[in-house]
Amino acid sequence: MSKLRTKIHDVAQAAGVSVATVDRVLNKRPGVRQQTVAKVETVLRQLNYKPDVHAARLSRGRDLRLVFLLPRGHNTFMSLLADEVRSTAERLAFERCLIELRHVEAFDGPAVAGTLNALDAADWDGVAVVAPDAPGVREAIDACVARGLRLVTLVSDLPSSARQHFVGVDNIAAGRVAGRLLGRFNAGRSGRIALIAGSMTLRDHMERHLGCEQVLRAEFPGLLSLPVVEGRDEAETTAEVARRLLAAHPDIVGLYNIGAGNRGLIEALRELRRPGEVVSVAHELTPHVRQALLDGVYDAIICQDPAHEVRSAVRVLQALCEGGEIVRTQERIRIEVFLKDNLP
């Protein structure tokens, strides 16, 4: 038989106080003596009391309101994130958790800051945002938190801001994985490594570049990195910069696409190189990337699970807004590596 859930009335009875007093302690409202607070908190721990969040929302007569700010454009991974936000919003609407998706310009710091500054704590409880690491954006995040909003960064972090949690992979580690894959797949060859980022204003791209360089310089001295070029996460721009790199440097033996724009890069590699001539590593398992792996155009893909990230962002925001616990092990986003042999 399953154990009955401990209710607030059980806590009040065990502590010898009123339900109203327990409610004030749970919500950290004033008007309760410190000795009583300590007594109630002891009983809460002893009874392993967990708030019934759905019931709490019903009793308050209002929904939990969350907004996701994601980049607009043709980035397939961001489209997958957006799809997950929409499906999660449909599922949680019945639990009085309302989620809205808004699109922002990925590389336009002032535009992202303006969107953040326009969010009113009277309208929203929590925010999840993918944003460039720019001073104005950090200031806007700090202002959001100061207004009472709970805020998490998603995919790309801004650790020097007042954001309360980051949902995403360890991007330095992801870059180190890329560097090791490039080194191992090249098996002692010497030559140049081409690096293409979406934008170095994005912290995840900066961190991946750093991690890759750390491994290449320390362990594969025969592989020399070229300066990073930016493809703006757009297929056409990425294809053009890849064509220029491959034409200008015939000694390129490896290529790391740090950001998106994979469709353009795949096109350029198919045009200018035979499969296998340039070891190619990229991020995120999208349909066109999957086919490139199967065809041998790409050698390895480093992934993060967009569904896990959206679910994690929602759970973390719910916990921050409602005084719940953040389970760190549950919310850790794993780095996955796929070859053509282990595709899901």
C-alpha atoms as a PDB file:
ATOM      1  CA  MET A   1       0.000   0.000   0.000  1.00  0.00           C
ATOM      2  CA  SER A   2       1.352   3.454  -0.896  1.00  0.00           C
ATOM      3  CA  LYS A   3       2.092   5.890   1.901  1.00  0.00           C
ATOM      4  CA  LEU A   4      -0.419   8.722   2.291  1.00  0.00           C
ATOM      5  CA  ARG A   5       0.912  12.184   1.508  1.00  0.00           C
ATOM      6  CA  THR A   6       1.633  14.358   4.556  1.00  0.00           C
ATOM      7  CA  LYS A   7      -0.723  17.324   4.559  1.00  0.00           C
ATOM      8  CA  ILE A   8      -0.323  20.769   6.058  1.00  0.00           C
ATOM      9  CA  HIS A   9      -2.954  19.874   8.679  1.00  0.00           C
ATOM     10  CA  ASP A  10      -0.732  16.967   9.823  1.00  0.00           C
ATOM     11  CA  VAL A  11       2.181  19.356  10.275  1.00  0.00           C
ATOM     12  CA  ALA A  12       0.046  21.842  12.221  1.00  0.00           C
ATOM     13  CA  GLN A  13      -1.260  19.126  14.544  1.00  0.00           C
ATOM     14  CA  ALA A  14       2.213  17.673  15.208  1.00  0.00           C
ATOM     15  CA  ALA A  15       3.691  21.111  15.873  1.00  0.00           C
ATOM     16  CA  GLY A  16       0.763  22.269  18.004  1.00  0.00           C
ATOM     17  CA  VAL A  17       0.130  25.362  15.906  1.00  0.00           C
ATOM     18  CA  SER A  18      -2.523  26.561  13.483  1.00  0.00           C
ATOM     19  CA  VAL A  19      -2.577  25.798   9.771  1.00  0.00           C
ATOM     20  CA  ALA A  20      -2.166  29.538   9.144  1.00  0.00           C
ATOM     21  CA  THR A  21       1.069  29.524  11.130  1.00  0.00           C
ATOM     22  CA  VAL A  22       2.466  26.612   9.119  1.00  0.00           C
ATOM     23  CA  ASP A  23       1.494  28.412   5.926  1.00  0.00           C
ATOM     24  CA  ARG A  24       3.356  31.547   7.064  1.00  0.00           C
ATOM     25  CA  VAL A  25       6.462  29.488   7.871  1.00  0.00           C
ATOM     26  CA  LEU A  26       6.326  27.664   4.526  1.00  0.00           C
ATOM     27  CA  ASN A  27       6.066  30.937   2.618  1.00  0.00           C
ATOM     28  CA  LYS A  28       8.565  32.769   4.869  1.00  0.00           C
ATOM     29  CA  ARG A  29       6.075  35.462   5.804  1.00  0.00           C
ATOM     30  CA  PRO A  30       6.560  37.581   8.941  1.00  0.00           C
ATOM     31  CA  GLY A  31       4.514  37.421  12.120  1.00  0.00           C
ATOM     32  CA  VAL A  32       5.798  34.129  13.576  1.00  0.00           C
ATOM     33  CA  ARG A  33       8.174  33.929  16.536  1.00  0.00           C
ATOM     34  CA  GLN A  34      11.574  32.437  15.712  1.00  0.00           C
ATOM     35  CA  GLN A  35      11.076  29.692  18.296  1.00  0.00           C
ATOM     36  CA  THR A  36       7.833  28.669  16.572  1.00  0.00           C
ATOM     37  CA  VAL A  37       9.483  28.831  13.148  1.00  0.00           C
ATOM     38  CA  ALA A  38      12.199  26.448  14.346  1.00  0.00           C
ATOM     39  CA  LYS A  39       9.607  24.064  15.804  1.00  0.00           C
ATOM     40  CA  VAL A  40       7.533  23.989  12.603  1.00  0.00           C
ATOM     41  CA  GLU A  41      10.615  23.495  10.419  1.00  0.00           C
ATOM     42  CA  THR A  42      11.681  20.541  12.603  1.00  0.00           C
ATOM     43  CA  VAL A  43       8.266  18.901  12.164  1.00  0.00           C
ATOM     44  CA  LEU A  44       8.377  19.560   8.401  1.00  0.00           C
ATOM     45  CA  ARG A  45      11.649  17.651   8.201  1.00  0.00           C
ATOM     46  CA  GLN A  46      10.482  14.845  10.497  1.00  0.00           C
ATOM     47  CA  LEU A  47       7.309  14.268   8.479  1.00  0.00           C
ATOM     48  CA  ASN A  48       9.165  14.741   5.161  1.00  0.00           C
ATOM     49  CA  TYR A  49       6.502  17.244   4.127  1.00  0.00           C
ATOM     50  CA  LYS A  50       6.420  18.099   0.421  1.00  0.00           C
ATOM     51  CA  PRO A  51       4.120  20.926  -0.699  1.00  0.00           C
ATOM     52  CA  ASP A  52       1.314  19.958  -3.072  1.00  0.00           C
ATOM     53  CA  VAL A  53       2.207  22.531  -5.705  1.00  0.00           C
ATOM     54  CA  HIS A  54      -0.897  21.972  -7.824  1.00  0.00           C
ATOM     55  CA  ALA A  55      -3.147  22.419  -4.787  1.00  0.00           C
ATOM     56  CA  ALA A  56      -1.211  25.515  -3.768  1.00  0.00           C
ATOM     57  CA  ARG A  57      -1.805  27.074  -7.173  1.00  0.00           C
ATOM     58  CA  LEU A  58      -5.496  26.275  -6.900  1.00  0.00           C
ATOM     59  CA  SER A  59      -5.708  27.790  -3.430  1.00  0.00           C
ATOM     60  CA  ARG A  60      -3.978  30.961  -4.620  1.00  0.00           C
ATOM     61  CA  GLY A  61      -6.395  31.153  -7.502  1.00  0.00           C
ATOM     62  CA  ARG A  62      -3.646  31.927 -10.014  1.00  0.00           C
ATOM     63  CA  ASP A  63      -1.391  30.140 -12.459  1.00  0.00           C
ATOM     64  CA  LEU A  64       2.367  29.874 -12.495  1.00  0.00           C
ATOM     65  CA  ARG A  65       3.450  31.939 -15.502  1.00  0.00           C
ATOM     66  CA  LEU A  66       6.712  31.169 -17.299  1.00  0.00           C
ATOM     67  CA  VAL A  67       8.157  32.646 -20.497  1.00  0.00           C
ATOM     68  CA  PHE A  68      10.881  31.178 -22.729  1.00  0.00           C
ATOM     69  CA  LEU A  69      12.947  33.585 -24.835  1.00  0.00           C
ATOM     70  CA  LEU A  70      14.571  31.668 -27.720  1.00  0.00           C
ATOM     71  CA  PRO A  71      16.457  32.896 -30.807  1.00  0.00           C
ATOM     72  CA  ARG A  72      14.493  33.240 -34.011  1.00  0.00           C
ATOM     73  CA  GLY A  73      15.910  32.069 -37.318  1.00  0.00           C
ATOM     74  CA  HIS A  74      16.704  28.798 -39.062  1.00  0.00           C
ATOM     75  CA  ASN A  75      18.801  27.141 -36.337  1.00  0.00           C
ATOM     76  CA  THR A  76      17.387  23.611 -36.300  1.00  0.00           C
ATOM     77  CA  PHE A  77      18.409  22.914 -32.707  1.00  0.00           C
ATOM     78  CA  MET A  78      16.624  26.054 -31.530  1.00  0.00           C
ATOM     79  CA  SER A  79      13.584  24.936 -33.504  1.00  0.00           C
ATOM     80  CA  LEU A  80      13.699  21.623 -31.626  1.00  0.00           C
ATOM     81  CA  LEU A  81      13.870  23.544 -28.338  1.00  0.00           C
ATOM     82  CA  ALA A  82      10.874  25.640 -29.411  1.00  0.00           C
ATOM     83  CA  ASP A  83       8.896  22.498 -30.279  1.00  0.00           C
ATOM     84  CA  GLU A  84       9.640  21.097 -26.820  1.00  0.00           C
ATOM     85  CA  VAL A  85       8.498  24.336 -25.168  1.00  0.00           C
ATOM     86  CA  ARG A  86       5.196  24.161 -27.052  1.00  0.00           C
ATOM     87  CA  SER A  87       4.542  20.512 -26.165  1.00  0.00           C
ATOM     88  CA  THR A  88       5.475  21.120 -22.528  1.00  0.00           C
ATOM     89  CA  ALA A  89       3.156  24.125 -22.425  1.00  0.00           C
ATOM     90  CA  GLU A  90       0.245  21.988 -23.640  1.00  0.00           C
ATOM     91  CA  ARG A  91       0.959  19.291 -21.062  1.00  0.00           C
ATOM     92  CA  LEU A  92       1.316  21.629 -18.081  1.00  0.00           C
ATOM     93  CA  ALA A  93      -1.626  23.896 -18.868  1.00  0.00           C
ATOM     94  CA  PHE A  94      -3.814  21.417 -16.964  1.00  0.00           C
ATOM     95  CA  GLU A  95      -1.596  21.905 -13.887  1.00  0.00           C
ATOM     96  CA  ARG A  96      -2.072  25.674 -13.877  1.00  0.00           C
ATOM     97  CA  CYS A  97       1.412  26.273 -15.232  1.00  0.00           C
ATOM     98  CA  LEU A  98       1.168  28.578 -18.244  1.00  0.00           C
ATOM     99  CA  ILE A  99       4.194  28.739 -20.560  1.00  0.00           C
ATOM    100  CA  GLU A 100       4.657  31.223 -23.385  1.00  0.00           C
ATOM    101  CA  LEU A 101       7.302  31.112 -26.121  1.00  0.00           C
ATOM    102  CA  ARG A 102       8.751  34.344 -27.481  1.00  0.00           C
ATOM    103  CA  HIS A 103      11.480  34.751 -30.087  1.00  0.00           C
ATOM    104  CA  VAL A 104      14.383  37.200 -29.861  1.00  0.00           C
ATOM    105  CA  GLU A 105      17.322  38.073 -32.111  1.00  0.00           C
ATOM    106  CA  ALA A 106      20.126  35.635 -31.268  1.00  0.00           C
ATOM    107  CA  PHE A 107      23.090  37.991 -31.679  1.00  0.00           C
ATOM    108  CA  ASP A 108      21.452  41.339 -30.918  1.00  0.00           C
ATOM    109  CA  GLY A 109      22.315  42.093 -27.301  1.00  0.00           C
ATOM    110  CA  PRO A 110      20.326  45.369 -27.103  1.00  0.00           C
ATOM    111  CA  ALA A 111      17.216  43.668 -28.542  1.00  0.00           C
ATOM    112  CA  VAL A 112      17.450  40.801 -26.041  1.00  0.00           C
ATOM    113  CA  ALA A 113      18.033  43.279 -23.206  1.00  0.00           C
ATOM    114  CA  GLY A 114      15.010  45.287 -24.316  1.00  0.00           C
ATOM    115  CA  THR A 115      12.792  42.199 -24.274  1.00  0.00           C
ATOM    116  CA  LEU A 116      14.015  41.292 -20.783  1.00  0.00           C
ATOM    117  CA  ASN A 117      13.513  44.836 -19.505  1.00  0.00           C
ATOM    118  CA  ALA A 118       9.916  44.805 -20.749  1.00  0.00           C
ATOM    119  CA  LEU A 119       8.986  41.747 -18.655  1.00  0.00           C
ATOM    120  CA  ASP A 120       6.825  42.765 -15.692  1.00  0.00           C
ATOM    121  CA  ALA A 121       6.860  40.729 -12.496  1.00  0.00           C
ATOM    122  CA  ALA A 122       3.108  41.327 -12.306  1.00  0.00           C
ATOM    123  CA  ASP A 123       2.708  39.309 -15.514  1.00  0.00           C
ATOM    124  CA  TRP A 124       5.414  36.652 -15.158  1.00  0.00           C
ATOM    125  CA  ASP A 125       6.898  34.467 -12.428  1.00  0.00           C
ATOM    126  CA  GLY A 126       9.876  32.969 -14.239  1.00  0.00           C
ATOM    127  CA  VAL A 127      12.000  33.364 -17.365  1.00  0.00           C
ATOM    128  CA  ALA A 128      14.257  31.012 -19.339  1.00  0.00           C
ATOM    129  CA  VAL A 129      16.473  32.794 -21.870  1.00  0.00           C
ATOM    130  CA  VAL A 130      19.081  32.009 -24.528  1.00  0.00           C
ATOM    131  CA  ALA A 131      21.129  35.192 -24.812  1.00  0.00           C
ATOM    132  CA  PRO A 132      24.516  36.606 -25.873  1.00  0.00           C
ATOM    133  CA  ASP A 133      27.022  37.459 -23.156  1.00  0.00           C
ATOM    134  CA  ALA A 134      26.846  41.246 -23.412  1.00  0.00           C
ATOM    135  CA  PRO A 135      26.905  43.941 -20.676  1.00  0.00           C
ATOM    136  CA  GLY A 136      23.405  45.191 -21.487  1.00  0.00           C
ATOM    137  CA  VAL A 137      21.998  41.665 -21.323  1.00  0.00           C
ATOM    138  CA  ARG A 138      23.647  41.003 -17.964  1.00  0.00           C
ATOM    139  CA  GLU A 139      22.246  44.262 -16.618  1.00  0.00           C
ATOM    140  CA  ALA A 140      18.761  43.370 -17.899  1.00  0.00           C
ATOM    141  CA  ILE A 141      18.955  39.956 -16.214  1.00  0.00           C
ATOM    142  CA  ASP A 142      20.014  41.597 -12.955  1.00  0.00           C
ATOM    143  CA  ALA A 143      17.084  44.006 -13.242  1.00  0.00           C
ATOM    144  CA  CYS A 144      14.633  41.131 -13.876  1.00  0.00           C
ATOM    145  CA  VAL A 145      15.770  39.346 -10.737  1.00  0.00           C
ATOM    146  CA  ALA A 146      15.633  42.592  -8.747  1.00  0.00           C
ATOM    147  CA  ARG A 147      11.979  42.991  -9.845  1.00  0.00           C
ATOM    148  CA  GLY A 148      11.193  39.573  -8.368  1.00  0.00           C
ATOM    149  CA  LEU A 149      11.339  37.373 -11.463  1.00  0.00           C
ATOM    150  CA  ARG A 150      13.061  33.992 -11.269  1.00  0.00           C
ATOM    151  CA  LEU A 151      15.452  33.581 -14.180  1.00  0.00           C
ATOM    152  CA  VAL A 152      17.512  30.755 -15.669  1.00  0.00           C
ATOM    153  CA  THR A 153      19.887  30.847 -18.611  1.00  0.00           C
ATOM    154  CA  LEU A 154      19.412  28.111 -21.200  1.00  0.00           C
ATOM    155  CA  VAL A 155      22.064  26.502 -23.470  1.00  0.00           C
ATOM    156  CA  SER A 156      24.489  29.446 -23.091  1.00  0.00           C
ATOM    157  CA  ASP A 157      25.298  30.777 -19.620  1.00  0.00           C
ATOM    158  CA  LEU A 158      25.885  34.255 -18.204  1.00  0.00           C
ATOM    159  CA  PRO A 159      27.483  33.363 -14.851  1.00  0.00           C
ATOM    160  CA  SER A 160      28.444  36.933 -13.974  1.00  0.00           C
ATOM    161  CA  SER A 161      24.774  37.948 -14.006  1.00  0.00           C
ATOM    162  CA  ALA A 162      22.224  37.451 -11.219  1.00  0.00           C
ATOM    163  CA  ARG A 163      20.656  34.478 -13.032  1.00  0.00           C
ATOM    164  CA  GLN A 164      19.698  31.794 -10.533  1.00  0.00           C
ATOM    165  CA  HIS A 165      20.508  28.642 -12.497  1.00  0.00           C
ATOM    166  CA  PHE A 166      22.041  27.492 -15.780  1.00  0.00           C
ATOM    167  CA  VAL A 167      20.400  24.720 -17.803  1.00  0.00           C
ATOM    168  CA  GLY A 168      22.816  23.264 -20.337  1.00  0.00           C
ATOM    169  CA  VAL A 169      25.941  21.207 -20.819  1.00  0.00           C
ATOM    170  CA  ASP A 170      29.415  22.074 -19.563  1.00  0.00           C
ATOM    171  CA  ASN A 171      30.490  23.770 -22.784  1.00  0.00           C
ATOM    172  CA  ILE A 172      34.213  23.809 -21.948  1.00  0.00           C
ATOM    173  CA  ALA A 173      34.001  20.040 -21.514  1.00  0.00           C
ATOM    174  CA  ALA A 174      32.084  19.767 -24.805  1.00  0.00           C
ATOM    175  CA  GLY A 175      34.863  21.690 -26.558  1.00  0.00           C
ATOM    176  CA  ARG A 176      37.480  19.432 -24.980  1.00  0.00           C
ATOM    177  CA  VAL A 177      35.585  16.419 -26.301  1.00  0.00           C
ATOM    178  CA  ALA A 178      35.697  17.983 -29.783  1.00  0.00           C
ATOM    179  CA  GLY A 179      39.434  18.587 -29.516  1.00  0.00           C
ATOM    180  CA  ARG A 180      40.086  14.995 -28.473  1.00  0.00           C
ATOM    181  CA  LEU A 181      37.908  13.610 -31.259  1.00  0.00           C
ATOM    182  CA  LEU A 182      39.790  15.709 -33.836  1.00  0.00           C
ATOM    183  CA  GLY A 183      43.114  14.533 -32.451  1.00  0.00           C
ATOM    184  CA  ARG A 184      42.203  10.864 -32.214  1.00  0.00           C
ATOM    185  CA  PHE A 185      40.495  10.663 -35.586  1.00  0.00           C
ATOM    186  CA  ASN A 186      43.523  12.266 -37.238  1.00  0.00           C
ATOM    187  CA  ALA A 187      45.723   9.504 -35.782  1.00  0.00           C
ATOM    188  CA  GLY A 188      49.061  11.307 -35.755  1.00  0.00           C
ATOM    189  CA  ARG A 189      48.553  13.426 -38.888  1.00  0.00           C
ATOM    190  CA  SER A 190      49.778  17.019 -38.919  1.00  0.00           C
ATOM    191  CA  GLY A 191      47.912  19.958 -40.389  1.00  0.00           C
ATOM    192  CA  ARG A 192      45.468  22.755 -39.747  1.00  0.00           C
ATOM    193  CA  ILE A 193      42.202  22.678 -37.811  1.00  0.00           C
ATOM    194  CA  ALA A 194      39.474  25.022 -39.070  1.00  0.00           C
ATOM    195  CA  LEU A 195      37.112  26.466 -36.460  1.00  0.00           C
ATOM    196  CA  ILE A 196      33.711  27.954 -37.298  1.00  0.00           C
ATOM    197  CA  ALA A 197      31.529  29.561 -34.603  1.00  0.00           C
ATOM    198  CA  GLY A 198      28.106  31.127 -34.829  1.00  0.00           C
ATOM    199  CA  SER A 199      29.241  34.146 -32.859  1.00  0.00           C
ATOM    200  CA  MET A 200      31.919  34.617 -30.246  1.00  0.00           C
ATOM    201  CA  THR A 201      29.478  36.847 -28.338  1.00  0.00           C
ATOM    202  CA  LEU A 202      27.749  33.606 -27.287  1.00  0.00           C
ATOM    203  CA  ARG A 203      29.360  32.205 -24.193  1.00  0.00           C
ATOM    204  CA  ASP A 204      28.718  28.591 -25.152  1.00  0.00           C
ATOM    205  CA  HIS A 205      30.658  29.122 -28.384  1.00  0.00           C
ATOM    206  CA  MET A 206      33.494  30.892 -26.553  1.00  0.00           C
ATOM    207  CA  GLU A 207      33.710  28.090 -24.001  1.00  0.00           C
ATOM    208  CA  ARG A 208      33.657  25.332 -26.620  1.00  0.00           C
ATOM    209  CA  HIS A 209      36.477  27.079 -28.476  1.00  0.00           C
ATOM    210  CA  LEU A 210      38.477  27.366 -25.262  1.00  0.00           C
ATOM    211  CA  GLY A 211      38.013  23.691 -24.397  1.00  0.00           C
ATOM    212  CA  CYS A 212      38.978  22.541 -27.892  1.00  0.00           C
ATOM    213  CA  GLU A 213      42.128  24.678 -27.907  1.00  0.00           C
ATOM    214  CA  GLN A 214      43.147  23.386 -24.464  1.00  0.00           C
ATOM    215  CA  VAL A 215      43.224  19.791 -25.681  1.00  0.00           C
ATOM    216  CA  LEU A 216      44.763  20.447 -29.099  1.00  0.00           C
ATOM    217  CA  ARG A 217      47.621  22.540 -27.726  1.00  0.00           C
ATOM    218  CA  ALA A 218      48.383  20.242 -24.811  1.00  0.00           C
ATOM    219  CA  GLU A 219      48.056  16.862 -26.479  1.00  0.00           C
ATOM    220  CA  PHE A 220      48.094  17.225 -30.272  1.00  0.00           C
ATOM    221  CA  PRO A 221      50.824  19.775 -31.112  1.00  0.00           C
ATOM    222  CA  GLY A 222      50.883  18.674 -34.761  1.00  0.00           C
ATOM    223  CA  LEU A 223      47.367  20.070 -35.224  1.00  0.00           C
ATOM    224  CA  LEU A 224      47.452  23.878 -35.486  1.00  0.00           C
ATOM    225  CA  SER A 225      44.224  25.825 -35.104  1.00  0.00           C
ATOM    226  CA  LEU A 226      43.293  28.545 -37.538  1.00  0.00           C
ATOM    227  CA  PRO A 227      41.603  31.706 -36.181  1.00  0.00           C
ATOM    228  CA  VAL A 228      37.894  31.294 -35.517  1.00  0.00           C
ATOM    229  CA  VAL A 229      35.570  32.539 -38.242  1.00  0.00           C
ATOM    230  CA  GLU A 230      31.896  33.286 -37.659  1.00  0.00           C
ATOM    231  CA  GLY A 231      29.032  31.816 -39.632  1.00  0.00           C
ATOM    232  CA  ARG A 232      26.249  33.523 -37.633  1.00  0.00           C
ATOM    233  CA  ASP A 233      24.596  30.075 -37.250  1.00  0.00           C
ATOM    234  CA  GLU A 234      23.221  30.547 -40.780  1.00  0.00           C
ATOM    235  CA  ALA A 235      23.560  27.860 -43.453  1.00  0.00           C
ATOM    236  CA  GLU A 236      24.521  30.152 -46.343  1.00  0.00           C
ATOM    237  CA  THR A 237      27.082  32.147 -44.348  1.00  0.00           C
ATOM    238  CA  THR A 238      28.588  28.998 -42.843  1.00  0.00           C
ATOM    239  CA  ALA A 239      28.865  27.400 -46.293  1.00  0.00           C
ATOM    240  CA  GLU A 240      30.650  30.465 -47.653  1.00  0.00           C
ATOM    241  CA  VAL A 241      33.193  30.735 -44.836  1.00  0.00           C
ATOM    242  CA  ALA A 242      33.855  26.973 -45.038  1.00  0.00           C
ATOM    243  CA  ARG A 243      34.492  27.213 -48.794  1.00  0.00           C
ATOM    244  CA  ARG A 244      36.939  30.077 -48.249  1.00  0.00           C
ATOM    245  CA  LEU A 245      38.767  28.216 -45.480  1.00  0.00           C
ATOM    246  CA  LEU A 246      39.126  24.984 -47.439  1.00  0.00           C
ATOM    247  CA  ALA A 247      40.256  26.815 -50.578  1.00  0.00           C
ATOM    248  CA  ALA A 248      42.792  28.977 -48.742  1.00  0.00           C
ATOM    249  CA  HIS A 249      44.288  26.189 -46.604  1.00  0.00           C
ATOM    250  CA  PRO A 250      44.837  22.925 -48.479  1.00  0.00           C
ATOM    251  CA  ASP A 251      46.541  21.494 -45.368  1.00  0.00           C
ATOM    252  CA  ILE A 252      43.281  21.489 -43.336  1.00  0.00           C
ATOM    253  CA  VAL A 253      42.866  18.020 -41.828  1.00  0.00           C
ATOM    254  CA  GLY A 254      40.104  18.791 -39.338  1.00  0.00           C
ATOM    255  CA  LEU A 255      37.102  21.079 -38.991  1.00  0.00           C
ATOM    256  CA  TYR A 256      35.080  21.875 -35.871  1.00  0.00           C
ATOM    257  CA  ASN A 257      31.721  23.577 -36.270  1.00  0.00           C
ATOM    258  CA  ILE A 258      31.230  25.105 -32.826  1.00  0.00           C
ATOM    259  CA  GLY A 259      27.705  26.382 -33.446  1.00  0.00           C
ATOM    260  CA  ALA A 260      24.936  25.769 -35.973  1.00  0.00           C
ATOM    261  CA  GLY A 261      24.650  26.311 -39.734  1.00  0.00           C
ATOM    262  CA  ASN A 262      25.365  22.628 -40.358  1.00  0.00           C
ATOM    263  CA  ARG A 263      23.380  22.397 -43.579  1.00  0.00           C
ATOM    264  CA  GLY A 264      25.707  24.920 -45.203  1.00  0.00           C
ATOM    265  CA  LEU A 265      28.838  23.243 -43.896  1.00  0.00           C
ATOM    266  CA  ILE A 266      27.685  19.831 -45.109  1.00  0.00           C
ATOM    267  CA  GLU A 267      27.073  21.331 -48.552  1.00  0.00           C
ATOM    268  CA  ALA A 268      30.574  22.842 -48.640  1.00  0.00           C
ATOM    269  CA  LEU A 269      32.236  19.622 -47.530  1.00  0.00           C
ATOM    270  CA  ARG A 270      30.386  17.616 -50.157  1.00  0.00           C
ATOM    271  CA  GLU A 271      31.510  20.077 -52.844  1.00  0.00           C
ATOM    272  CA  LEU A 272      35.151  20.553 -51.950  1.00  0.00           C
ATOM    273  CA  ARG A 273      36.383  17.422 -50.220  1.00  0.00           C
ATOM    274  CA  ARG A 274      36.037  13.689 -50.460  1.00  0.00           C
ATOM    275  CA  PRO A 275      34.367  12.118 -47.394  1.00  0.00           C
ATOM    276  CA  GLY A 276      36.997  11.290 -44.815  1.00  0.00           C
ATOM    277  CA  GLU A 277      39.655  13.695 -46.121  1.00  0.00           C
ATOM    278  CA  VAL A 278      38.801  16.293 -43.481  1.00  0.00           C
ATOM    279  CA  VAL A 279      37.825  15.032 -40.017  1.00  0.00           C
ATOM    280  CA  SER A 280      34.647  16.954 -39.193  1.00  0.00           C
ATOM    281  CA  VAL A 281      33.060  17.376 -35.763  1.00  0.00           C
ATOM    282  CA  ALA A 282      29.910  19.378 -35.076  1.00  0.00           C
ATOM    283  CA  HIS A 283      27.069  19.822 -32.590  1.00  0.00           C
ATOM    284  CA  GLU A 284      23.452  18.605 -32.326  1.00  0.00           C
ATOM    285  CA  LEU A 285      21.837  15.600 -33.993  1.00  0.00           C
ATOM    286  CA  THR A 286      19.381  17.060 -36.489  1.00  0.00           C
ATOM    287  CA  PRO A 287      18.000  15.137 -39.525  1.00  0.00           C
ATOM    288  CA  HIS A 288      20.530  16.582 -42.011  1.00  0.00           C
ATOM    289  CA  VAL A 289      23.383  16.021 -39.540  1.00  0.00           C
ATOM    290  CA  ARG A 290      22.287  12.407 -39.089  1.00  0.00           C
ATOM    291  CA  GLN A 291      22.490  11.835 -42.845  1.00  0.00           C
ATOM    292  CA  ALA A 292      25.916  13.491 -42.987  1.00  0.00           C
ATOM    293  CA  LEU A 293      27.133  11.062 -40.321  1.00  0.00           C
ATOM    294  CA  LEU A 294      25.771   8.102 -42.251  1.00  0.00           C
ATOM    295  CA  ASP A 295      27.417   9.364 -45.449  1.00  0.00           C
ATOM    296  CA  GLY A 296      30.807   9.903 -43.785  1.00  0.00           C
ATOM    297  CA  VAL A 297      30.756  13.675 -44.298  1.00  0.00           C
ATOM    298  CA  TYR A 298      30.748  14.143 -40.530  1.00  0.00           C
ATOM    299  CA  ASP A 299      32.801  11.911 -38.243  1.00  0.00           C
ATOM    300  CA  ALA A 300      31.271  12.700 -34.849  1.00  0.00           C
ATOM    301  CA  ILE A 301      28.487  14.777 -33.344  1.00  0.00           C
ATOM    302  CA  ILE A 302      28.401  16.214 -29.821  1.00  0.00           C
ATOM    303  CA  CYS A 303      24.861  16.515 -28.509  1.00  0.00           C
ATOM    304  CA  GLN A 304      22.640  17.858 -25.757  1.00  0.00           C
ATOM    305  CA  ASP A 305      19.046  16.723 -25.325  1.00  0.00           C
ATOM    306  CA  PRO A 306      16.621  19.614 -26.059  1.00  0.00           C
ATOM    307  CA  ALA A 307      13.693  17.800 -24.418  1.00  0.00           C
ATOM    308  CA  HIS A 308      15.663  17.303 -21.200  1.00  0.00           C
ATOM    309  CA  GLU A 309      16.751  20.944 -21.242  1.00  0.00           C
ATOM    310  CA  VAL A 310      13.212  22.286 -21.549  1.00  0.00           C
ATOM    311  CA  ARG A 311      11.848  19.931 -18.877  1.00  0.00           C
ATOM    312  CA  SER A 312      14.760  20.840 -16.613  1.00  0.00           C
ATOM    313  CA  ALA A 313      14.268  24.581 -17.131  1.00  0.00           C
ATOM    314  CA  VAL A 314      10.586  24.257 -16.219  1.00  0.00           C
ATOM    315  CA  ARG A 315      11.299  22.143 -13.111  1.00  0.00           C
ATOM    316  CA  VAL A 316      13.987  24.550 -11.935  1.00  0.00           C
ATOM    317  CA  LEU A 317      11.773  27.602 -12.468  1.00  0.00           C
ATOM    318  CA  GLN A 318       8.902  25.886 -10.639  1.00  0.00           C
ATOM    319  CA  ALA A 319      11.211  25.142  -7.718  1.00  0.00           C
ATOM    320  CA  LEU A 320      12.579  28.694  -7.642  1.00  0.00           C
ATOM    321  CA  CYS A 321       9.108  30.240  -7.822  1.00  0.00           C
ATOM    322  CA  GLU A 322       7.454  27.940  -5.300  1.00  0.00           C
ATOM    323  CA  GLY A 323      10.219  27.241  -2.806  1.00  0.00           C
ATOM    324  CA  GLY A 324      10.812  23.676  -3.964  1.00  0.00           C
ATOM    325  CA  GLU A 325      14.033  21.704  -4.117  1.00  0.00           C
ATOM    326  CA  ILE A 326      16.318  21.650  -7.151  1.00  0.00           C
ATOM    327  CA  VAL A 327      17.634  18.109  -7.598  1.00  0.00           C
ATOM    328  CA  ARG A 328      21.083  18.769  -9.057  1.00  0.00           C
ATOM    329  CA  THR A 329      21.649  15.236 -10.321  1.00  0.00           C
ATOM    330  CA  GLN A 330      18.310  15.236 -12.126  1.00  0.00           C
ATOM    331  CA  GLU A 331      18.971  18.609 -13.734  1.00  0.00           C
ATOM    332  CA  ARG A 332      22.499  17.856 -14.981  1.00  0.00           C
ATOM    333  CA  ILE A 333      22.478  17.942 -18.784  1.00  0.00           C
ATOM    334  CA  ARG A 334      24.742  15.259 -20.207  1.00  0.00           C
ATOM    335  CA  ILE A 335      27.154  15.548 -23.125  1.00  0.00           C
ATOM    336  CA  GLU A 336      26.471  12.809 -25.673  1.00  0.00           C
ATOM    337  CA  VAL A 337      28.686  11.774 -28.582  1.00  0.00           C
ATOM    338  CA  PHE A 338      27.291  10.022 -31.646  1.00  0.00           C
ATOM    339  CA  LEU A 339      29.119   8.255 -34.457  1.00  0.00           C
ATOM    340  CA  LYS A 340      27.427   6.571 -37.407  1.00  0.00           C
ATOM    341  CA  ASP A 341      27.610   3.326 -35.405  1.00  0.00           C
ATOM    342  CA  ASN A 342      25.567   4.376 -32.348  1.00  0.00           C
ATOM    343  CA  LEU A 343      22.858   6.620 -33.794  1.00  0.00           C
ATOM    344  CA  PRO A 344      19.611   6.388 -31.788  1.00  0.00           C
END
